[in-house]
């Protein structure tokens, strides 16, 4: 079982192109079993993640709206072993 801490990216008030590049670069450095969490306010954040990361290399563990207003979206994924 992987015991490395989960990395989290909060895109709610970020400059999206730079943040997506940071997420992509971080994903490349992750090891199999590592988990990444992405928080956003864009309803399409799950679709965006699927566009920027190689789909065959991760599994989505969780994708849901949260918060009292339901405007925040959480995507948690784990890198697969190749």
C-alpha atoms as a PDB file:
ATOM      1  CA  UNK A   1       0.000   0.000   0.000  1.00  0.00           C
ATOM      2  CA  UNK A   2       1.298   3.425  -0.942  1.00  0.00           C
ATOM      3  CA  UNK A   3       1.918   5.697   2.048  1.00  0.00           C
ATOM      4  CA  UNK A   4       2.965   8.843   0.188  1.00  0.00           C
ATOM      5  CA  UNK A   5       0.809  11.896   0.909  1.00  0.00           C
ATOM      6  CA  UNK A   6      -1.892  12.798  -1.598  1.00  0.00           C
ATOM      7  CA  UNK A   7      -1.209  15.887  -3.686  1.00  0.00           C
ATOM      8  CA  UNK A   8      -4.016  18.391  -4.091  1.00  0.00           C
ATOM      9  CA  UNK A   9      -4.536  21.088  -6.718  1.00  0.00           C
ATOM     10  CA  UNK A  10      -7.122  23.791  -6.100  1.00  0.00           C
ATOM     11  CA  UNK A  11      -8.157  25.403  -9.382  1.00  0.00           C
ATOM     12  CA  UNK A  12     -10.996  27.529  -8.023  1.00  0.00           C
ATOM     13  CA  UNK A  13      -9.028  30.778  -8.216  1.00  0.00           C
ATOM     14  CA  UNK A  14      -6.120  29.680 -10.355  1.00  0.00           C
ATOM     15  CA  UNK A  15      -4.946  30.643 -13.819  1.00  0.00           C
ATOM     16  CA  UNK A  16      -6.219  27.506 -15.503  1.00  0.00           C
ATOM     17  CA  UNK A  17      -3.704  26.991 -18.366  1.00  0.00           C
ATOM     18  CA  UNK A  18      -0.764  27.196 -15.955  1.00  0.00           C
ATOM     19  CA  UNK A  19      -2.505  24.981 -13.419  1.00  0.00           C
ATOM     20  CA  UNK A  20      -3.293  22.340 -16.034  1.00  0.00           C
ATOM     21  CA  UNK A  21       0.348  22.330 -17.110  1.00  0.00           C
ATOM     22  CA  UNK A  22       1.387  21.913 -13.473  1.00  0.00           C
ATOM     23  CA  UNK A  23      -1.068  19.009 -13.046  1.00  0.00           C
ATOM     24  CA  UNK A  24       0.209  17.319 -16.219  1.00  0.00           C
ATOM     25  CA  UNK A  25       3.848  17.684 -15.180  1.00  0.00           C
ATOM     26  CA  UNK A  26       3.094  16.439 -11.671  1.00  0.00           C
ATOM     27  CA  UNK A  27       1.204  13.420 -13.040  1.00  0.00           C
ATOM     28  CA  UNK A  28       4.243  12.418 -15.110  1.00  0.00           C
ATOM     29  CA  UNK A  29       6.346  12.326 -11.918  1.00  0.00           C
ATOM     30  CA  UNK A  30       3.808  10.326  -9.906  1.00  0.00           C
ATOM     31  CA  UNK A  31       4.441   6.679  -9.140  1.00  0.00           C
ATOM     32  CA  UNK A  32       1.891   3.902  -9.575  1.00  0.00           C
ATOM     33  CA  UNK A  33      -0.587   4.033  -6.710  1.00  0.00           C
ATOM     34  CA  UNK A  34      -0.076   7.751  -6.015  1.00  0.00           C
ATOM     35  CA  UNK A  35      -3.290   9.741  -5.626  1.00  0.00           C
ATOM     36  CA  UNK A  36      -3.989  13.265  -6.862  1.00  0.00           C
ATOM     37  CA  UNK A  37      -6.936  15.437  -5.890  1.00  0.00           C
ATOM     38  CA  UNK A  38      -8.169  18.287  -8.074  1.00  0.00           C
ATOM     39  CA  UNK A  39     -10.692  20.825  -6.813  1.00  0.00           C
ATOM     40  CA  UNK A  40     -12.436  23.203  -9.168  1.00  0.00           C
ATOM     41  CA  UNK A  41     -15.527  25.284  -9.676  1.00  0.00           C
ATOM     42  CA  UNK A  42     -15.843  24.543 -13.397  1.00  0.00           C
ATOM     43  CA  UNK A  43     -18.551  21.960 -14.044  1.00  0.00           C
ATOM     44  CA  UNK A  44     -16.341  20.468 -16.776  1.00  0.00           C
ATOM     45  CA  UNK A  45     -13.302  19.798 -14.571  1.00  0.00           C
ATOM     46  CA  UNK A  46     -13.686  16.006 -14.924  1.00  0.00           C
ATOM     47  CA  UNK A  47     -13.812  16.358 -18.719  1.00  0.00           C
ATOM     48  CA  UNK A  48     -10.776  18.648 -18.638  1.00  0.00           C
ATOM     49  CA  UNK A  49      -8.835  16.094 -16.580  1.00  0.00           C
ATOM     50  CA  UNK A  50      -9.722  13.393 -19.103  1.00  0.00           C
ATOM     51  CA  UNK A  51      -8.380  15.602 -21.916  1.00  0.00           C
ATOM     52  CA  UNK A  52      -5.034  16.473 -20.344  1.00  0.00           C
ATOM     53  CA  UNK A  53      -4.052  13.144 -18.758  1.00  0.00           C
ATOM     54  CA  UNK A  54      -3.530   9.809 -20.532  1.00  0.00           C
ATOM     55  CA  UNK A  55      -6.781   8.004 -19.677  1.00  0.00           C
ATOM     56  CA  UNK A  56      -5.240   4.530 -19.666  1.00  0.00           C
ATOM     57  CA  UNK A  57      -2.783   5.568 -16.931  1.00  0.00           C
ATOM     58  CA  UNK A  58      -5.186   6.491 -14.118  1.00  0.00           C
ATOM     59  CA  UNK A  59      -8.489   5.611 -12.552  1.00  0.00           C
ATOM     60  CA  UNK A  60     -10.949   8.104 -11.141  1.00  0.00           C
ATOM     61  CA  UNK A  61     -11.638   7.233  -7.520  1.00  0.00           C
ATOM     62  CA  UNK A  62     -14.104  10.020  -6.872  1.00  0.00           C
ATOM     63  CA  UNK A  63     -15.812  12.773  -8.838  1.00  0.00           C
ATOM     64  CA  UNK A  64     -18.507  14.769  -7.084  1.00  0.00           C
ATOM     65  CA  UNK A  65     -19.941  18.164  -6.279  1.00  0.00           C
ATOM     66  CA  UNK A  66     -19.647  19.349  -2.708  1.00  0.00           C
ATOM     67  CA  UNK A  67     -20.184  22.361  -0.492  1.00  0.00           C
ATOM     68  CA  UNK A  68     -23.366  24.017   0.665  1.00  0.00           C
ATOM     69  CA  UNK A  69     -23.933  25.587  -2.765  1.00  0.00           C
ATOM     70  CA  UNK A  70     -22.792  22.526  -4.742  1.00  0.00           C
ATOM     71  CA  UNK A  71     -20.523  24.669  -6.912  1.00  0.00           C
ATOM     72  CA  UNK A  72     -17.249  22.992  -5.989  1.00  0.00           C
ATOM     73  CA  UNK A  73     -16.163  19.831  -7.744  1.00  0.00           C
ATOM     74  CA  UNK A  74     -13.691  17.290  -6.436  1.00  0.00           C
ATOM     75  CA  UNK A  75     -11.879  14.809  -8.680  1.00  0.00           C
ATOM     76  CA  UNK A  76      -9.608  12.244  -7.042  1.00  0.00           C
ATOM     77  CA  UNK A  77      -7.553   9.908  -9.209  1.00  0.00           C
ATOM     78  CA  UNK A  78      -4.907   7.226  -8.749  1.00  0.00           C
ATOM     79  CA  UNK A  79      -2.088   6.528 -11.184  1.00  0.00           C
ATOM     80  CA  UNK A  80      -2.116   2.975 -12.499  1.00  0.00           C
ATOM     81  CA  UNK A  81       0.867   0.692 -12.837  1.00  0.00           C
ATOM     82  CA  UNK A  82       2.046   0.414 -16.435  1.00  0.00           C
END
